[in-house]
């Protein structure tokens, strides 16, 4: 069995990609019915996709994004994924992920890829975000990690934010187990910050990284946002902590605003589909309008169905993001910059 060099950028195999998509695309459609927007925003040339991480060890959003980018723009748009050693070194993972574009995460490997004109995908939240508690499923959790920004600034490549809602609903993380990880020392030994308590199919309740599981069918909403061109580049800018922190706040604020919007849209879509099913059942059973309304109210109260509030336009009820992420005044925005939200909740996302 061939073992791939995880530091080589020449392992990607078009035939392996096609074979994988042939198997995965019907499965992804069956379980996630993905809605994907913004693929036409992907710029030509090198770039750094920055995405929120979901779904634990399955990371279904990665495959959905990869399939969409490949079908839309071919290998030019399909990114290489900078991955943790544990994701590309084990024999089975090495055989599957490396031919698809998995590369060990390091500044040297990223530089080689950008120098060759390739695009790269990173998940700044890593294991902490991929296994965040279910209650935080609609939150961007990058923590204190700034390496992705220093990389983009150092290399002078644009950031391409990608936001996904719904991919973290296929399992239920009850607790990320950060304290357990520190108590066991695995945060130092394995560079893993979590030891999650997870409820999944078919394993039930588990502690630690769950084995590959069967995701609960749910709909995924994904959007590629406007690329963000960084005004400064090079080593001096990458080592300017204040500048990096300011960029980070704006990236996270932008992505959080988009995730909130997508999550509300997903909830409204779920409500519409569930109401359609309810109406069919009501017609079949011959129930009265009053009985139908009572069933709907019960479903909403028991959190089986989203309430009517999700039918309002998302921008009217967006929760406030970090004030520091909104410190740019509208009169500072240059022509052509993309703005999410209105008034006090506007976030400049095209330039920082």
Protein backbone atom coordinates (compact mmCIF):
# COMPACT_ATOMS: atom_id res chain seq x y z
CA UNK A 1 0.00 0.00 0.00
CA UNK A 2 1.44 3.34 -1.07
CA UNK A 3 2.04 5.84 1.71
CA UNK A 4 1.80 9.46 0.62
CA UNK A 5 4.22 12.18 1.68
CA UNK A 6 2.02 14.56 3.68
CA UNK A 7 4.36 17.47 2.89
CA UNK A 8 4.17 17.08 -0.89
CA UNK A 9 1.87 19.28 -2.96
CA UNK A 10 1.96 16.86 -5.91
CA UNK A 11 -0.25 14.09 -4.54
CA UNK A 12 -3.63 15.39 -5.69
CA UNK A 13 -5.23 12.97 -8.13
CA UNK A 14 -8.07 14.03 -10.44
CA UNK A 15 -9.24 10.42 -10.85
CA UNK A 16 -9.38 9.96 -7.08
CA UNK A 17 -11.40 13.16 -6.80
CA UNK A 18 -13.87 12.00 -9.47
CA UNK A 19 -14.24 8.57 -7.85
CA UNK A 20 -14.84 10.12 -4.45
CA UNK A 21 -17.43 12.58 -5.76
CA UNK A 22 -19.26 9.80 -7.58
CA UNK A 23 -19.74 8.05 -4.24
CA UNK A 24 -20.17 11.05 -1.95
CA UNK A 25 -22.38 13.44 -3.90
CA UNK A 26 -25.54 11.26 -3.70
CA UNK A 27 -24.89 10.68 0.01
CA UNK A 28 -24.37 14.38 0.72
CA UNK A 29 -27.53 15.22 -1.18
CA UNK A 30 -29.48 12.59 0.73
CA UNK A 31 -28.36 13.67 4.20
CA UNK A 32 -27.82 17.42 3.80
CA UNK A 33 -29.72 18.69 0.70
CA UNK A 34 -27.15 21.51 0.50
CA UNK A 35 -27.98 25.02 -0.65
CA UNK A 36 -24.79 26.72 -1.88
CA UNK A 37 -24.32 30.34 -2.96
CA UNK A 38 -21.52 32.68 -3.94
CA UNK A 39 -19.36 30.32 -6.02
CA UNK A 40 -19.02 33.04 -8.65
CA UNK A 41 -17.24 35.20 -6.05
CA UNK A 42 -14.17 32.96 -6.00
CA UNK A 43 -11.26 34.95 -7.49
CA UNK A 44 -8.67 33.52 -9.85
CA UNK A 45 -5.16 32.80 -8.62
CA UNK A 46 -3.97 31.89 -5.13
CA UNK A 47 -6.23 32.51 -2.15
CA UNK A 48 -7.01 31.33 1.36
CA UNK A 49 -10.46 29.89 2.02
CA UNK A 50 -11.34 30.52 5.68
CA UNK A 51 -14.31 28.48 6.89
CA UNK A 52 -16.18 27.58 10.05
CA UNK A 53 -15.72 23.94 11.09
CA UNK A 54 -18.62 21.58 11.74
CA UNK A 55 -19.65 17.99 12.27
CA UNK A 56 -16.84 16.56 14.36
CA UNK A 57 -14.80 13.82 12.69
CA UNK A 58 -16.97 13.67 9.54
CA UNK A 59 -16.61 17.38 8.56
CA UNK A 60 -19.39 17.05 5.92
CA UNK A 61 -19.19 20.72 4.99
CA UNK A 62 -15.66 20.15 3.68
CA UNK A 63 -16.89 17.60 1.16
CA UNK A 64 -19.90 19.71 0.18
CA UNK A 65 -17.66 22.74 -0.40
CA UNK A 66 -15.07 20.71 -2.30
CA UNK A 67 -17.67 19.12 -4.56
CA UNK A 68 -19.31 22.47 -5.31
CA UNK A 69 -16.02 24.24 -6.06
CA UNK A 70 -14.78 21.40 -8.25
CA UNK A 71 -18.00 21.24 -10.27
CA UNK A 72 -18.03 25.02 -10.64
CA UNK A 73 -14.40 25.89 -11.32
CA UNK A 74 -12.43 22.66 -11.62
CA UNK A 75 -9.07 22.09 -9.98
CA UNK A 76 -8.27 25.81 -10.09
CA UNK A 77 -10.95 26.61 -7.50
CA UNK A 78 -10.63 23.36 -5.53
CA UNK A 79 -8.41 24.06 -2.51
CA UNK A 80 -5.75 22.01 -0.84
CA UNK A 81 -6.64 21.46 2.81
CA UNK A 82 -4.05 22.22 5.48
CA UNK A 83 -4.75 19.47 8.00
CA UNK A 84 -3.65 18.35 11.45
CA UNK A 85 -1.14 15.48 11.49
CA UNK A 86 -3.82 13.22 12.95
CA UNK A 87 -5.98 13.83 9.87
CA UNK A 88 -3.43 12.89 7.20
CA UNK A 89 -0.85 10.55 8.76
CA UNK A 90 -2.92 7.50 9.88
CA UNK A 91 -2.85 4.85 7.11
CA UNK A 92 -6.53 4.95 6.10
CA UNK A 93 -6.76 8.74 6.26
CA UNK A 94 -3.48 9.02 4.35
CA UNK A 95 -4.87 6.88 1.53
CA UNK A 96 -8.17 8.74 1.32
CA UNK A 97 -7.48 12.40 2.13
CA UNK A 98 -4.05 13.09 0.68
CA UNK A 99 -5.01 12.24 -2.95
CA UNK A 100 -7.93 14.63 -2.55
CA UNK A 101 -5.62 17.49 -1.57
CA UNK A 102 -4.84 16.99 2.10
CA UNK A 103 -1.47 18.43 3.15
CA UNK A 104 0.12 18.65 6.58
CA UNK A 105 -0.49 22.09 8.02
CA UNK A 106 2.71 24.15 8.09
CA UNK A 107 3.78 27.60 6.87
CA UNK A 108 6.26 25.96 4.50
CA UNK A 109 3.62 23.83 2.81
CA UNK A 110 1.25 26.78 2.54
CA UNK A 111 4.01 28.87 0.94
CA UNK A 112 4.68 26.15 -1.63
CA UNK A 113 1.00 26.01 -2.55
CA UNK A 114 0.57 29.77 -2.88
CA UNK A 115 3.79 30.02 -4.87
CA UNK A 116 2.34 27.46 -7.28
CA UNK A 117 -0.81 29.57 -7.66
CA UNK A 118 -3.03 27.17 -5.70
CA UNK A 119 -5.83 27.85 -3.26
CA UNK A 120 -5.72 26.62 0.33
CA UNK A 121 -8.48 25.81 2.83
CA UNK A 122 -8.10 26.34 6.58
CA UNK A 123 -10.42 25.98 9.55
CA UNK A 124 -9.04 28.38 12.18
CA UNK A 125 -11.39 26.96 14.82
CA UNK A 126 -9.90 23.48 14.43
CA UNK A 127 -11.00 20.80 16.86
CA UNK A 128 -12.48 23.36 19.27
CA UNK A 129 -14.98 24.59 16.69
CA UNK A 130 -15.59 21.21 15.00
CA UNK A 131 -16.67 19.78 18.36
CA UNK A 132 -18.24 22.87 19.94
CA UNK A 133 -21.42 22.27 21.98
CA UNK A 134 -24.67 21.91 20.06
CA UNK A 135 -26.01 25.07 21.71
CA UNK A 136 -23.19 26.99 19.97
CA UNK A 137 -23.84 25.47 16.54
CA UNK A 138 -24.63 28.88 15.04
CA UNK A 139 -21.54 30.61 16.45
CA UNK A 140 -18.13 31.21 14.90
CA UNK A 141 -15.57 29.83 17.37
CA UNK A 142 -12.04 30.78 16.28
CA UNK A 143 -10.86 31.57 19.79
CA UNK A 144 -7.41 33.12 20.02
CA UNK A 145 -6.10 31.55 16.83
CA UNK A 146 -4.59 34.09 14.45
CA UNK A 147 -2.29 31.90 12.37
CA UNK A 148 -4.59 31.95 9.36
CA UNK A 149 -4.41 35.76 9.20
CA UNK A 150 -0.67 35.93 9.69
CA UNK A 151 -0.37 33.40 6.86
CA UNK A 152 -2.55 35.43 4.48
CA UNK A 153 -0.78 38.67 5.39
CA UNK A 154 2.68 37.12 5.06
CA UNK A 155 1.85 35.63 1.66
CA UNK A 156 -0.19 38.58 0.38
CA UNK A 157 -3.16 36.46 -0.72
CA UNK A 158 -6.87 37.33 -0.38
CA UNK A 159 -9.07 35.72 2.25
CA UNK A 160 -12.16 33.94 0.90
CA UNK A 161 -14.60 33.46 3.81
CA UNK A 162 -16.95 30.47 3.63
CA UNK A 163 -19.80 30.11 6.12
CA UNK A 164 -22.01 27.06 6.68
CA UNK A 165 -25.16 26.64 8.76
CA UNK A 166 -26.66 23.23 9.47
CA UNK A 167 -23.59 21.01 9.15
CA UNK A 168 -23.22 20.84 12.93
CA UNK A 169 -26.73 19.45 13.45
CA UNK A 170 -25.91 15.89 12.39
CA UNK A 171 -24.73 14.99 15.89
CA UNK A 172 -25.19 16.49 19.35
CA UNK A 173 -22.12 17.64 21.26
CA UNK A 174 -23.28 18.03 24.85
CA UNK A 175 -19.96 19.45 26.11
CA UNK A 176 -16.62 20.04 24.41
CA UNK A 177 -14.74 18.51 27.34
CA UNK A 178 -12.03 21.15 27.41
CA UNK A 179 -11.47 20.60 31.12
CA UNK A 180 -11.23 16.83 30.58
CA UNK A 181 -8.61 17.36 27.87
CA UNK A 182 -6.52 19.54 30.17
CA UNK A 183 -6.92 17.12 33.09
CA UNK A 184 -5.79 14.16 30.95
CA UNK A 185 -2.96 16.17 29.42
CA UNK A 186 -3.98 15.40 25.83
CA UNK A 187 -3.93 19.10 25.01
CA UNK A 188 -0.15 18.99 25.45
CA UNK A 189 0.52 15.49 24.11
CA UNK A 190 -1.69 15.54 21.00
CA UNK A 191 -2.32 19.26 20.47
CA UNK A 192 -6.03 18.52 20.94
CA UNK A 193 -7.97 20.97 23.10
CA UNK A 194 -11.21 19.01 23.54
CA UNK A 195 -12.44 15.64 24.80
CA UNK A 196 -16.12 15.97 23.90
CA UNK A 197 -19.21 14.34 25.34
CA UNK A 198 -21.21 13.41 22.25
CA UNK A 199 -24.57 11.88 21.41
CA UNK A 200 -24.56 10.31 17.94
CA UNK A 201 -26.00 7.50 15.82
CA UNK A 202 -25.34 4.59 16.25
CA UNK A 203 -22.92 5.03 19.16
CA UNK A 204 -25.19 6.79 21.62
CA UNK A 205 -23.34 8.63 24.37
CA UNK A 206 -19.54 8.70 24.02
CA UNK A 207 -16.66 10.57 25.66
CA UNK A 208 -13.72 11.56 23.51
CA UNK A 209 -13.56 11.90 19.74
CA UNK A 210 -16.57 9.95 18.42
CA UNK A 211 -16.05 7.24 15.80
CA UNK A 212 -17.47 7.94 12.32
CA UNK A 213 -21.20 8.26 12.86
CA UNK A 214 -24.40 8.33 10.81
CA UNK A 215 -25.48 11.99 10.66
CA UNK A 216 -29.07 12.96 11.38
CA UNK A 217 -30.50 14.21 8.05
CA UNK A 218 -30.58 18.00 8.05
CA UNK A 219 -30.36 20.78 5.48
CA UNK A 220 -27.10 22.66 5.02
CA UNK A 221 -26.87 26.29 3.89
CA UNK A 222 -23.44 27.42 2.66
CA UNK A 223 -22.23 30.71 1.23
CA UNK A 224 -18.92 31.89 -0.20
CA UNK A 225 -18.62 35.53 0.90
CA UNK A 226 -16.89 38.38 -0.89
CA UNK A 227 -13.08 37.96 -0.91
CA UNK A 228 -11.26 40.16 1.58
CA UNK A 229 -8.18 41.90 0.22
CA UNK A 230 -5.74 42.81 2.97
CA UNK A 231 -4.23 46.27 2.56
CA UNK A 232 -0.91 45.30 4.14
CA UNK A 233 1.26 42.29 3.48
CA UNK A 234 4.69 40.92 4.32
CA UNK A 235 6.48 39.97 7.51
CA UNK A 236 6.23 43.36 9.21
CA UNK A 237 2.46 43.44 8.84
CA UNK A 238 2.12 39.78 9.88
CA UNK A 239 4.06 40.55 13.07
CA UNK A 240 1.99 43.65 13.87
CA UNK A 241 -0.24 42.22 16.59
CA UNK A 242 -2.62 45.17 16.65
CA UNK A 243 -3.19 44.98 12.89
CA UNK A 244 -3.66 41.19 12.98
CA UNK A 245 -6.14 41.47 15.86
CA UNK A 246 -8.09 44.16 14.03
CA UNK A 247 -8.27 42.02 10.90
CA UNK A 248 -9.31 39.01 12.97
CA UNK A 249 -12.17 40.88 14.63
CA UNK A 250 -13.52 41.99 11.28
CA UNK A 251 -13.23 38.54 9.75
CA UNK A 252 -15.04 36.92 12.67
CA UNK A 253 -17.67 39.68 12.80
CA UNK A 254 -18.33 39.33 9.08
CA UNK A 255 -18.59 35.56 9.23
CA UNK A 256 -20.79 35.65 12.33
CA UNK A 257 -23.22 38.06 10.66
CA UNK A 258 -23.42 35.73 7.66
CA UNK A 259 -23.83 32.64 9.84
CA UNK A 260 -26.65 34.28 11.80
CA UNK A 261 -28.39 35.15 8.55
CA UNK A 262 -27.97 31.64 7.12
CA UNK A 263 -29.12 30.02 10.36
CA UNK A 264 -32.30 32.08 10.31
CA UNK A 265 -32.86 31.25 6.67
CA UNK A 266 -32.35 27.58 7.43
CA UNK A 267 -34.85 27.77 10.30
CA UNK A 268 -37.42 29.47 8.05
CA UNK A 269 -36.88 26.79 5.41
CA UNK A 270 -37.33 24.08 8.03
CA UNK A 271 -40.55 25.68 9.23
CA UNK A 272 -41.91 25.90 5.68
CA UNK A 273 -41.18 22.24 4.98
CA UNK A 274 -42.65 21.11 8.31
CA UNK A 275 -45.81 23.17 7.80
CA UNK A 276 -46.23 21.56 4.39
CA UNK A 277 -46.03 18.12 5.99
CA UNK A 278 -48.42 19.18 8.75
CA UNK A 279 -50.98 20.41 6.22
CA UNK A 280 -50.86 17.09 4.38
CA UNK A 281 -51.44 15.20 7.64
CA UNK A 282 -54.29 17.54 8.60
CA UNK A 283 -55.96 17.02 5.23
CA UNK A 284 -55.53 13.26 5.46
CA UNK A 285 -56.99 13.12 8.98
CA UNK A 286 -59.75 15.62 8.27
CA UNK A 287 -58.83 17.86 11.21
CA UNK A 288 -60.29 21.31 11.75
CA UNK A 289 -58.24 24.54 11.38
CA UNK A 290 -58.35 24.93 15.17
CA UNK A 291 -56.90 21.45 15.68
CA UNK A 292 -54.22 22.16 13.09
CA UNK A 293 -53.21 25.40 14.87
CA UNK A 294 -53.08 23.56 18.20
CA UNK A 295 -50.72 20.95 16.75
CA UNK A 296 -48.49 23.68 15.31
CA UNK A 297 -48.36 25.49 18.66
CA UNK A 298 -47.44 22.26 20.44
CA UNK A 299 -44.67 21.57 17.90
CA UNK A 300 -43.24 25.07 18.39
CA UNK A 301 -43.39 24.89 22.19
CA UNK A 302 -41.61 21.51 22.18
CA UNK A 303 -38.92 22.94 19.83
CA UNK A 304 -39.76 20.42 17.12
CA UNK A 305 -40.65 23.28 14.77
CA UNK A 306 -39.24 26.83 14.59
CA UNK A 307 -41.69 29.60 15.49
CA UNK A 308 -43.15 32.30 13.26
CA UNK A 309 -40.37 34.74 14.16
CA UNK A 310 -38.00 33.05 11.69
CA UNK A 311 -40.26 34.18 8.84
CA UNK A 312 -39.27 37.82 9.39
CA UNK A 313 -36.40 39.25 7.33
CA UNK A 314 -33.14 38.22 8.97
CA UNK A 315 -31.69 41.74 9.06
CA UNK A 316 -34.43 42.97 11.39
CA UNK A 317 -33.39 40.70 14.26
CA UNK A 318 -29.69 40.03 13.83
CA UNK A 319 -28.06 39.81 17.26
CA UNK A 320 -25.25 42.25 17.86
CA UNK A 321 -21.78 40.96 17.07
CA UNK A 322 -18.64 41.96 18.95
CA UNK A 323 -18.55 45.76 19.09
CA UNK A 324 -14.88 45.66 18.13
CA UNK A 325 -15.84 43.87 14.90
CA UNK A 326 -18.03 46.83 13.94
CA UNK A 327 -15.64 49.65 14.70
CA UNK A 328 -15.39 50.77 11.09
CA UNK A 329 -17.73 53.67 10.32
CA UNK A 330 -19.63 53.63 7.04
CA UNK A 331 -17.94 56.81 5.86
CA UNK A 332 -14.60 54.98 6.02
CA UNK A 333 -15.70 52.38 3.50
CA UNK A 334 -14.21 52.69 0.06
CA UNK A 335 -16.12 52.29 -3.18
CA UNK A 336 -16.87 48.69 -4.02
CA UNK A 337 -16.65 47.36 -0.49
CA UNK A 338 -19.27 44.83 0.50
CA UNK A 339 -21.39 45.56 3.56
CA UNK A 340 -23.52 43.10 5.52
CA UNK A 341 -26.40 44.52 7.51
CA UNK A 342 -27.59 48.10 7.89
CA UNK A 343 -27.02 50.95 10.29
CA UNK A 344 -25.24 50.07 13.50
CA UNK A 345 -24.89 46.43 12.49
CA UNK A 346 -22.99 47.05 9.26
CA UNK A 347 -19.72 45.21 8.90
CA UNK A 348 -17.07 46.01 6.30
CA UNK A 349 -15.95 42.76 4.79
CA UNK A 350 -14.10 43.49 1.58
CA UNK A 351 -11.04 45.31 2.89
CA UNK A 352 -9.25 45.52 6.24
